[in-house]
Amino acid sequence: MKQFDDFSAQTLYCPNCKQANPVRKHLLLVLPNGNIYDYRCAKCGKSLGTQIDTNSGPNPDFH
């Protein structure tokens, strides 16, 4: 569905903090067909998951 193309998490459950906390999205890897982002807890910094963004299309800076 087009309405969910740009979906990104604002809060996720952190097993380290034992509660849902805001997350920070960090660019993890740049690929020719998109980017991979890492979601980290804003309180403790634990990695909580990844997101693959293929909507960005080919990266012109990638050689």
PDB file of N, CA and C in Angstrom:
ATOM      1  N   MET A   1       0.837  -1.176   0.000  1.00  0.00           N
ATOM      2  CA  MET A   1       0.000   0.000   0.000  1.00  0.00           C
ATOM      3  C   MET A   1       0.885   1.244   0.000  1.00  0.00           C
ATOM      4  N   LYS A   2       0.553   2.189  -0.806  1.00  0.00           N
ATOM      5  CA  LYS A   2       1.329   3.421  -0.938  1.00  0.00           C
ATOM      6  C   LYS A   2       1.381   4.232   0.350  1.00  0.00           C
ATOM      7  N   GLN A   3       0.335   4.174   1.169  1.00  0.00           N
ATOM      8  CA  GLN A   3       0.291   4.995   2.375  1.00  0.00           C
ATOM      9  C   GLN A   3       1.330   4.576   3.405  1.00  0.00           C
ATOM     10  N   PHE A   4       1.899   3.375   3.286  1.00  0.00           N
ATOM     11  CA  PHE A   4       2.891   2.909   4.242  1.00  0.00           C
ATOM     12  C   PHE A   4       4.303   2.889   3.676  1.00  0.00           C
ATOM     13  N   ASP A   5       4.543   3.515   2.550  1.00  0.00           N
ATOM     14  CA  ASP A   5       5.865   3.513   1.927  1.00  0.00           C
ATOM     15  C   ASP A   5       6.938   4.135   2.811  1.00  0.00           C
ATOM     16  N   ASP A   6       6.611   5.182   3.539  1.00  0.00           N
ATOM     17  CA  ASP A   6       7.598   5.901   4.338  1.00  0.00           C
ATOM     18  C   ASP A   6       7.434   5.632   5.828  1.00  0.00           C
ATOM     19  N   PHE A   7       6.989   4.464   6.205  1.00  0.00           N
ATOM     20  CA  PHE A   7       6.763   4.114   7.601  1.00  0.00           C
ATOM     21  C   PHE A   7       8.096   3.975   8.332  1.00  0.00           C
ATOM     22  N   SER A   8       8.199   4.613   9.492  1.00  0.00           N
ATOM     23  CA  SER A   8       9.373   4.427  10.344  1.00  0.00           C
ATOM     24  C   SER A   8       8.916   4.462  11.803  1.00  0.00           C
ATOM     25  N   ALA A   9       9.605   3.701  12.635  1.00  0.00           N
ATOM     26  CA  ALA A   9       9.215   3.579  14.045  1.00  0.00           C
ATOM     27  C   ALA A   9       9.612   4.826  14.827  1.00  0.00           C
ATOM     28  N   GLN A  10       8.774   5.209  15.760  1.00  0.00           N
ATOM     29  CA  GLN A  10       9.064   6.316  16.671  1.00  0.00           C
ATOM     30  C   GLN A  10       9.454   5.792  18.048  1.00  0.00           C
ATOM     31  N   THR A  11       8.790   4.710  18.474  1.00  0.00           N
ATOM     32  CA  THR A  11       9.110   4.070  19.748  1.00  0.00           C
ATOM     33  C   THR A  11       9.110   2.557  19.545  1.00  0.00           C
ATOM     34  N   LEU A  12       9.988   1.882  20.258  1.00  0.00           N
ATOM     35  CA  LEU A  12      10.057   0.424  20.244  1.00  0.00           C
ATOM     36  C   LEU A  12      10.330  -0.062  21.662  1.00  0.00           C
ATOM     37  N   TYR A  13       9.946  -1.310  21.927  1.00  0.00           N
ATOM     38  CA  TYR A  13      10.212  -1.901  23.237  1.00  0.00           C
ATOM     39  C   TYR A  13      11.693  -2.236  23.342  1.00  0.00           C
ATOM     40  N   CYS A  14      12.313  -1.806  24.420  1.00  0.00           N
ATOM     41  CA  CYS A  14      13.722  -2.086  24.675  1.00  0.00           C
ATOM     42  C   CYS A  14      13.809  -3.135  25.798  1.00  0.00           C
ATOM     43  N   PRO A  15      14.352  -4.315  25.492  1.00  0.00           N
ATOM     44  CA  PRO A  15      14.469  -5.338  26.537  1.00  0.00           C
ATOM     45  C   PRO A  15      15.485  -4.959  27.613  1.00  0.00           C
ATOM     46  N   ASN A  16      16.415  -4.093  27.288  1.00  0.00           N
ATOM     47  CA  ASN A  16      17.405  -3.639  28.261  1.00  0.00           C
ATOM     48  C   ASN A  16      16.764  -2.703  29.300  1.00  0.00           C
ATOM     49  N   CYS A  17      15.940  -1.768  28.836  1.00  0.00           N
ATOM     50  CA  CYS A  17      15.255  -0.815  29.722  1.00  0.00           C
ATOM     51  C   CYS A  17      13.929  -1.364  30.246  1.00  0.00           C
ATOM     52  N   LYS A  18      13.435  -2.427  29.610  1.00  0.00           N
ATOM     53  CA  LYS A  18      12.170  -3.076  29.967  1.00  0.00           C
ATOM     54  C   LYS A  18      10.960  -2.150  29.821  1.00  0.00           C
ATOM     55  N   GLN A  19      10.993  -1.307  28.773  1.00  0.00           N
ATOM     56  CA  GLN A  19       9.867  -0.432  28.464  1.00  0.00           C
ATOM     57  C   GLN A  19      10.019   0.085  27.029  1.00  0.00           C
ATOM     58  N   ALA A  20       8.934   0.627  26.502  1.00  0.00           N
ATOM     59  CA  ALA A  20       8.975   1.236  25.172  1.00  0.00           C
ATOM     60  C   ALA A  20       9.613   2.613  25.289  1.00  0.00           C
ATOM     61  N   ASN A  21      10.607   2.868  24.444  1.00  0.00           N
ATOM     62  CA  ASN A  21      11.324   4.140  24.460  1.00  0.00           C
ATOM     63  C   ASN A  21      11.401   4.719  23.053  1.00  0.00           C
ATOM     64  N   PRO A  22      11.622   6.018  22.948  1.00  0.00           N
ATOM     65  CA  PRO A  22      11.875   6.603  21.630  1.00  0.00           C
ATOM     66  C   PRO A  22      13.132   5.967  21.028  1.00  0.00           C
ATOM     67  N   VAL A  23      13.185   5.925  19.716  1.00  0.00           N
ATOM     68  CA  VAL A  23      14.337   5.350  19.026  1.00  0.00           C
ATOM     69  C   VAL A  23      15.001   6.395  18.145  1.00  0.00           C
ATOM     70  N   ARG A  24      16.263   6.155  17.869  1.00  0.00           N
ATOM     71  CA  ARG A  24      17.014   6.972  16.918  1.00  0.00           C
ATOM     72  C   ARG A  24      17.358   6.096  15.731  1.00  0.00           C
ATOM     73  N   LYS A  25      17.177   6.633  14.552  1.00  0.00           N
ATOM     74  CA  LYS A  25      17.425   5.900  13.312  1.00  0.00           C
ATOM     75  C   LYS A  25      18.804   6.292  12.783  1.00  0.00           C
ATOM     76  N   HIS A  26      19.691   5.291  12.640  1.00  0.00           N
ATOM     77  CA  HIS A  26      21.052   5.533  12.172  1.00  0.00           C
ATOM     78  C   HIS A  26      21.279   4.803  10.855  1.00  0.00           C
ATOM     79  N   LEU A  27      21.911   5.478   9.917  1.00  0.00           N
ATOM     80  CA  LEU A  27      22.280   4.846   8.657  1.00  0.00           C
ATOM     81  C   LEU A  27      23.355   3.815   8.936  1.00  0.00           C
ATOM     82  N   LEU A  28      23.091   2.570   8.573  1.00  0.00           N
ATOM     83  CA  LEU A  28      24.007   1.476   8.865  1.00  0.00           C
ATOM     84  C   LEU A  28      24.831   1.092   7.643  1.00  0.00           C
ATOM     85  N   LEU A  29      24.171   1.016   6.468  1.00  0.00           N
ATOM     86  CA  LEU A  29      24.841   0.542   5.271  1.00  0.00           C
ATOM     87  C   LEU A  29      24.192   1.158   4.040  1.00  0.00           C
ATOM     88  N   VAL A  30      25.012   1.618   3.110  1.00  0.00           N
ATOM     89  CA  VAL A  30      24.528   2.173   1.848  1.00  0.00           C
ATOM     90  C   VAL A  30      24.744   1.122   0.768  1.00  0.00           C
ATOM     91  N   LEU A  31      23.669   0.752   0.085  1.00  0.00           N
ATOM     92  CA  LEU A  31      23.721  -0.248  -0.973  1.00  0.00           C
ATOM     93  C   LEU A  31      23.290   0.376  -2.293  1.00  0.00           C
ATOM     94  N   PRO A  32      23.620  -0.241  -3.414  1.00  0.00           N
ATOM     95  CA  PRO A  32      23.219   0.330  -4.709  1.00  0.00           C
ATOM     96  C   PRO A  32      21.706   0.427  -4.882  1.00  0.00           C
ATOM     97  N   ASN A  33      20.948  -0.457  -4.238  1.00  0.00           N
ATOM     98  CA  ASN A  33      19.492  -0.458  -4.413  1.00  0.00           C
ATOM     99  C   ASN A  33      18.732   0.087  -3.207  1.00  0.00           C
ATOM    100  N   GLY A  34      19.413   0.726  -2.257  1.00  0.00           N
ATOM    101  CA  GLY A  34      18.747   1.293  -1.088  1.00  0.00           C
ATOM    102  C   GLY A  34      19.690   1.415   0.091  1.00  0.00           C
ATOM    103  N   ASN A  35      19.133   1.651   1.265  1.00  0.00           N
ATOM    104  CA  ASN A  35      19.923   1.842   2.478  1.00  0.00           C
ATOM    105  C   ASN A  35      19.393   0.957   3.595  1.00  0.00           C
ATOM    106  N   ILE A  36      20.273   0.594   4.520  1.00  0.00           N
ATOM    107  CA  ILE A  36      19.873  -0.154   5.709  1.00  0.00           C
ATOM    108  C   ILE A  36      20.083   0.751   6.913  1.00  0.00           C
ATOM    109  N   TYR A  37      19.025   0.869   7.730  1.00  0.00           N
ATOM    110  CA  TYR A  37      19.058   1.708   8.920  1.00  0.00           C
ATOM    111  C   TYR A  37      18.955   0.846  10.170  1.00  0.00           C
ATOM    112  N   ASP A  38      19.577   1.294  11.254  1.00  0.00           N
ATOM    113  CA  ASP A  38      19.539   0.625  12.543  1.00  0.00           C
ATOM    114  C   ASP A  38      18.742   1.496  13.503  1.00  0.00           C
ATOM    115  N   TYR A  39      17.782   0.893  14.207  1.00  0.00           N
ATOM    116  CA  TYR A  39      17.023   1.599  15.233  1.00  0.00           C
ATOM    117  C   TYR A  39      17.672   1.322  16.579  1.00  0.00           C
ATOM    118  N   ARG A  40      18.012   2.390  17.327  1.00  0.00           N
ATOM    119  CA  ARG A  40      18.644   2.254  18.639  1.00  0.00           C
ATOM    120  C   ARG A  40      17.813   2.973  19.687  1.00  0.00           C
ATOM    121  N   CYS A  41      17.781   2.379  20.875  1.00  0.00           N
ATOM    122  CA  CYS A  41      17.066   2.977  21.999  1.00  0.00           C
ATOM    123  C   CYS A  41      17.686   4.332  22.322  1.00  0.00           C
ATOM    124  N   ALA A  42      16.853   5.352  22.481  1.00  0.00           N
ATOM    125  CA  ALA A  42      17.348   6.700  22.775  1.00  0.00           C
ATOM    126  C   ALA A  42      17.903   6.807  24.199  1.00  0.00           C
ATOM    127  N   LYS A  43      17.513   5.895  25.092  1.00  0.00           N
ATOM    128  CA  LYS A  43      17.991   5.958  26.475  1.00  0.00           C
ATOM    129  C   LYS A  43      19.302   5.202  26.681  1.00  0.00           C
ATOM    130  N   CYS A  44      19.372   3.946  26.206  1.00  0.00           N
ATOM    131  CA  CYS A  44      20.566   3.134  26.489  1.00  0.00           C
ATOM    132  C   CYS A  44      21.431   2.856  25.261  1.00  0.00           C
ATOM    133  N   GLY A  45      20.914   3.111  24.059  1.00  0.00           N
ATOM    134  CA  GLY A  45      21.704   2.915  22.842  1.00  0.00           C
ATOM    135  C   GLY A  45      21.685   1.510  22.276  1.00  0.00           C
ATOM    136  N   LYS A  46      20.919   0.596  22.882  1.00  0.00           N
ATOM    137  CA  LYS A  46      20.851  -0.786  22.398  1.00  0.00           C
ATOM    138  C   LYS A  46      20.176  -0.831  21.025  1.00  0.00           C
ATOM    139  N   SER A  47      20.741  -1.629  20.121  1.00  0.00           N
ATOM    140  CA  SER A  47      20.143  -1.837  18.809  1.00  0.00           C
ATOM    141  C   SER A  47      18.859  -2.636  18.965  1.00  0.00           C
ATOM    142  N   LEU A  48      17.759  -2.119  18.405  1.00  0.00           N
ATOM    143  CA  LEU A  48      16.455  -2.763  18.558  1.00  0.00           C
ATOM    144  C   LEU A  48      15.918  -3.341  17.266  1.00  0.00           C
ATOM    145  N   GLY A  49      16.570  -3.073  16.151  1.00  0.00           N
ATOM    146  CA  GLY A  49      16.104  -3.615  14.874  1.00  0.00           C
ATOM    147  C   GLY A  49      16.654  -2.821  13.714  1.00  0.00           C
ATOM    148  N   THR A  50      16.396  -3.334  12.514  1.00  0.00           N
ATOM    149  CA  THR A  50      16.871  -2.675  11.301  1.00  0.00           C
ATOM    150  C   THR A  50      15.709  -2.451  10.340  1.00  0.00           C
ATOM    151  N   GLN A  51      15.929  -1.561   9.405  1.00  0.00           N
ATOM    152  CA  GLN A  51      14.953  -1.281   8.357  1.00  0.00           C
ATOM    153  C   GLN A  51      15.702  -1.163   7.044  1.00  0.00           C
ATOM    154  N   ILE A  52      15.197  -1.824   6.018  1.00  0.00           N
ATOM    155  CA  ILE A  52      15.778  -1.722   4.685  1.00  0.00           C
ATOM    156  C   ILE A  52      14.908  -0.770   3.881  1.00  0.00           C
ATOM    157  N   ASP A  53      15.496   0.302   3.397  1.00  0.00           N
ATOM    158  CA  ASP A  53      14.783   1.321   2.633  1.00  0.00           C
ATOM    159  C   ASP A  53      15.132   1.166   1.162  1.00  0.00           C
ATOM    160  N   THR A  54      14.272   0.492   0.422  1.00  0.00           N
ATOM    161  CA  THR A  54      14.498   0.324  -1.011  1.00  0.00           C
ATOM    162  C   THR A  54      13.767   1.376  -1.825  1.00  0.00           C
ATOM    163  N   ASN A  55      12.994   2.240  -1.143  1.00  0.00           N
ATOM    164  CA  ASN A  55      12.256   3.301  -1.838  1.00  0.00           C
ATOM    165  C   ASN A  55      13.173   4.416  -2.303  1.00  0.00           C
ATOM    166  N   SER A  56      14.375   4.495  -1.729  1.00  0.00           N
ATOM    167  CA  SER A  56      15.283   5.566  -2.113  1.00  0.00           C
ATOM    168  C   SER A  56      15.873   5.323  -3.494  1.00  0.00           C
ATOM    169  N   GLY A  57      15.711   4.106  -4.019  1.00  0.00           N
ATOM    170  CA  GLY A  57      16.215   3.788  -5.352  1.00  0.00           C
ATOM    171  C   GLY A  57      17.718   3.704  -5.379  1.00  0.00           C
ATOM    172  N   PRO A  58      18.298   3.670  -6.567  1.00  0.00           N
ATOM    173  CA  PRO A  58      19.742   3.591  -6.683  1.00  0.00           C
ATOM    174  C   PRO A  58      20.405   4.820  -6.079  1.00  0.00           C
ATOM    175  N   ASN A  59      21.475   4.598  -5.356  1.00  0.00           N
ATOM    176  CA  ASN A  59      22.205   5.688  -4.730  1.00  0.00           C
ATOM    177  C   ASN A  59      23.234   6.231  -5.717  1.00  0.00           C
ATOM    178  N   PRO A  60      23.120   7.491  -6.148  1.00  0.00           N
ATOM    179  CA  PRO A  60      24.043   8.038  -7.133  1.00  0.00           C
ATOM    180  C   PRO A  60      25.455   8.198  -6.597  1.00  0.00           C
ATOM    181  N   ASP A  61      25.640   8.231  -5.273  1.00  0.00           N
ATOM    182  CA  ASP A  61      26.977   8.370  -4.691  1.00  0.00           C
ATOM    183  C   ASP A  61      27.677   7.036  -4.519  1.00  0.00           C
ATOM    184  N   PHE A  62      26.962   5.934  -4.773  1.00  0.00           N
ATOM    185  CA  PHE A  62      27.550   4.601  -4.606  1.00  0.00           C
ATOM    186  C   PHE A  62      28.264   4.197  -5.886  1.00  0.00           C
ATOM    187  N   HIS A  63      29.526   3.812  -5.783  1.00  0.00           N
ATOM    188  CA  HIS A  63      30.290   3.402  -6.967  1.00  0.00           C
ATOM    189  C   HIS A  63      30.801   1.996  -6.787  1.00  0.00           C
TER     190      HIS A  63
END
